[in-house]
Protein backbone atom coordinates (compact mmCIF):
# COMPACT_ATOMS: atom_id res chain seq x y z
CA MET A 1 -64.68 -52.47 -73.93
CA ALA A 2 -61.29 -51.47 -72.11
CA TYR A 3 -58.14 -51.30 -73.82
CA ASP A 4 -55.77 -54.38 -74.08
CA GLU A 5 -53.23 -53.81 -71.28
CA ASP A 6 -50.87 -56.39 -72.65
CA LEU A 7 -51.06 -54.35 -76.10
CA ALA A 8 -50.38 -51.20 -74.19
CA ASP A 9 -47.23 -52.95 -72.28
CA ARG A 10 -45.88 -53.99 -75.60
CA ILE A 11 -46.15 -50.61 -77.15
CA ARG A 12 -44.44 -49.10 -74.05
CA GLU A 13 -41.81 -51.40 -74.45
CA LEU A 14 -41.18 -50.24 -78.17
CA THR A 15 -41.37 -46.58 -77.04
CA GLY A 16 -39.64 -46.86 -73.95
CA GLU A 17 -36.31 -45.67 -75.16
CA GLN A 18 -37.54 -42.74 -77.30
CA LYS A 19 -37.68 -39.46 -76.03
CA GLY A 20 -40.61 -37.21 -75.65
CA ILE A 21 -43.14 -39.93 -75.49
CA THR A 22 -46.04 -39.67 -72.76
CA GLU A 23 -49.00 -41.54 -72.10
CA GLN A 24 -52.61 -40.36 -71.81
CA ARG A 25 -55.82 -42.05 -71.60
CA MET A 26 -58.17 -41.03 -74.39
CA PHE A 27 -60.76 -42.54 -76.50
CA GLY A 28 -61.46 -45.26 -74.02
CA GLY A 29 -57.78 -46.37 -74.72
CA LEU A 30 -54.09 -45.55 -73.91
CA ALA A 31 -52.46 -43.10 -76.00
CA PHE A 32 -48.73 -42.63 -76.66
CA LEU A 33 -47.91 -38.94 -77.70
CA VAL A 34 -45.05 -37.51 -79.16
CA ARG A 35 -44.84 -33.76 -77.99
CA GLY A 36 -48.33 -33.71 -77.24
CA ASN A 37 -49.31 -35.25 -80.74
CA LEU A 38 -51.10 -38.70 -80.57
CA ALA A 39 -49.06 -41.46 -82.47
CA VAL A 40 -50.33 -44.58 -81.74
CA ALA A 41 -52.84 -45.98 -79.00
CA ALA A 42 -54.22 -49.29 -77.34
CA SER A 43 -57.61 -48.69 -78.49
CA GLY A 44 -60.56 -48.97 -76.12
CA GLN A 45 -62.41 -50.44 -79.09
CA GLY A 46 -59.74 -53.24 -79.39
CA GLY A 47 -56.66 -53.34 -81.32
CA LEU A 48 -54.27 -50.59 -82.35
CA MET A 49 -55.10 -46.89 -83.55
CA VAL A 50 -52.10 -45.28 -85.54
CA ARG A 51 -51.70 -41.91 -86.71
CA VAL A 52 -49.97 -41.91 -90.36
CA ASP A 53 -49.18 -39.22 -93.01
CA PRO A 54 -52.92 -38.58 -94.47
CA ASP A 55 -51.31 -38.58 -97.98
CA GLU A 56 -50.24 -42.30 -97.25
CA SER A 57 -53.60 -43.41 -95.70
CA ASP A 58 -54.86 -44.77 -99.15
CA SER A 59 -51.99 -46.85 -100.04
CA LEU A 60 -51.56 -48.19 -96.47
CA LEU A 61 -55.31 -49.45 -96.52
CA ALA A 62 -54.64 -50.94 -99.94
CA SER A 63 -51.44 -52.91 -99.06
CA THR A 64 -51.83 -53.74 -95.31
CA HIS A 65 -54.48 -55.07 -92.98
CA ALA A 66 -55.27 -51.83 -91.68
CA ARG A 67 -58.88 -50.30 -91.93
CA PRO A 68 -59.77 -46.60 -91.72
CA MET A 69 -60.56 -45.15 -88.45
CA VAL A 70 -64.30 -43.97 -88.55
CA MET A 71 -65.53 -41.00 -86.16
CA ARG A 72 -69.05 -39.90 -85.98
CA GLY A 73 -69.87 -41.97 -89.06
CA ARG A 74 -66.77 -40.41 -91.16
CA GLU A 75 -63.49 -41.94 -92.15
CA MET A 76 -60.88 -40.03 -90.66
CA GLN A 77 -57.71 -39.44 -93.26
CA GLY A 78 -54.34 -40.13 -91.49
CA TRP A 79 -55.82 -42.48 -88.82
CA LEU A 80 -55.94 -46.20 -89.30
CA ARG A 81 -56.87 -49.09 -87.14
CA VAL A 82 -55.28 -52.37 -86.97
CA GLU A 83 -56.82 -55.61 -85.16
CA SER A 84 -54.84 -57.12 -82.61
CA LYS A 85 -54.46 -60.35 -84.56
CA HIS A 86 -52.35 -58.22 -87.05
CA VAL A 87 -50.08 -56.80 -84.34
CA GLY A 88 -49.35 -60.19 -82.63
CA THR A 89 -45.68 -60.31 -83.22
CA LYS A 90 -43.08 -57.77 -82.19
CA ARG A 91 -42.09 -57.20 -85.62
CA GLU A 92 -45.60 -56.56 -86.76
CA LEU A 93 -46.29 -54.02 -83.85
CA ARG A 94 -42.89 -52.26 -84.32
CA LYS A 95 -43.55 -51.51 -87.79
CA TRP A 96 -46.96 -49.64 -86.71
CA VAL A 97 -45.39 -47.95 -83.80
CA GLU A 98 -42.50 -46.75 -85.74
CA ARG A 99 -44.74 -45.37 -88.35
CA GLY A 100 -46.74 -43.46 -86.05
CA THR A 101 -43.98 -42.08 -83.80
CA THR A 102 -42.15 -41.14 -86.80
CA TYR A 103 -45.21 -39.22 -88.35
CA ALA A 104 -45.87 -37.44 -85.02
CA ARG A 105 -42.72 -36.36 -84.87
CA THR A 106 -43.08 -34.31 -88.08
CA LEU A 107 -45.91 -32.36 -86.47
CA PRO A 108 -45.50 -29.17 -84.52
CA PRO A 109 -45.45 -29.65 -80.81
CA LYS A 110 -48.93 -29.11 -79.04
CA ARG A 111 -49.01 -26.19 -76.71
CA LYS A 112 -50.21 -27.03 -73.03
CA ARG A 113 -53.51 -25.52 -72.20
């Protein structure tokens, strides 16, 4: 499955005025990075992938429609998936984009290889 280009455009609209955001194809989707750190992505598996503070993962899983991101059969702390139907409005999407970009800004910049 290819990523949802409409969702990517909506993310782009929300991040357009923020400094230091770049786009990169990865994981079959389109990722939005802050200083090289993935913040949020239109996932190649559908929906949204969001990077959050690992210490907040469990509470977000309990209080939102997010589910854990699973990679190689293992749940990844600090990485969540949100189905498209739960980011259908600008307000819903903005909440997750802001959460992802805010957390990514707390991380040290990635060095270019």
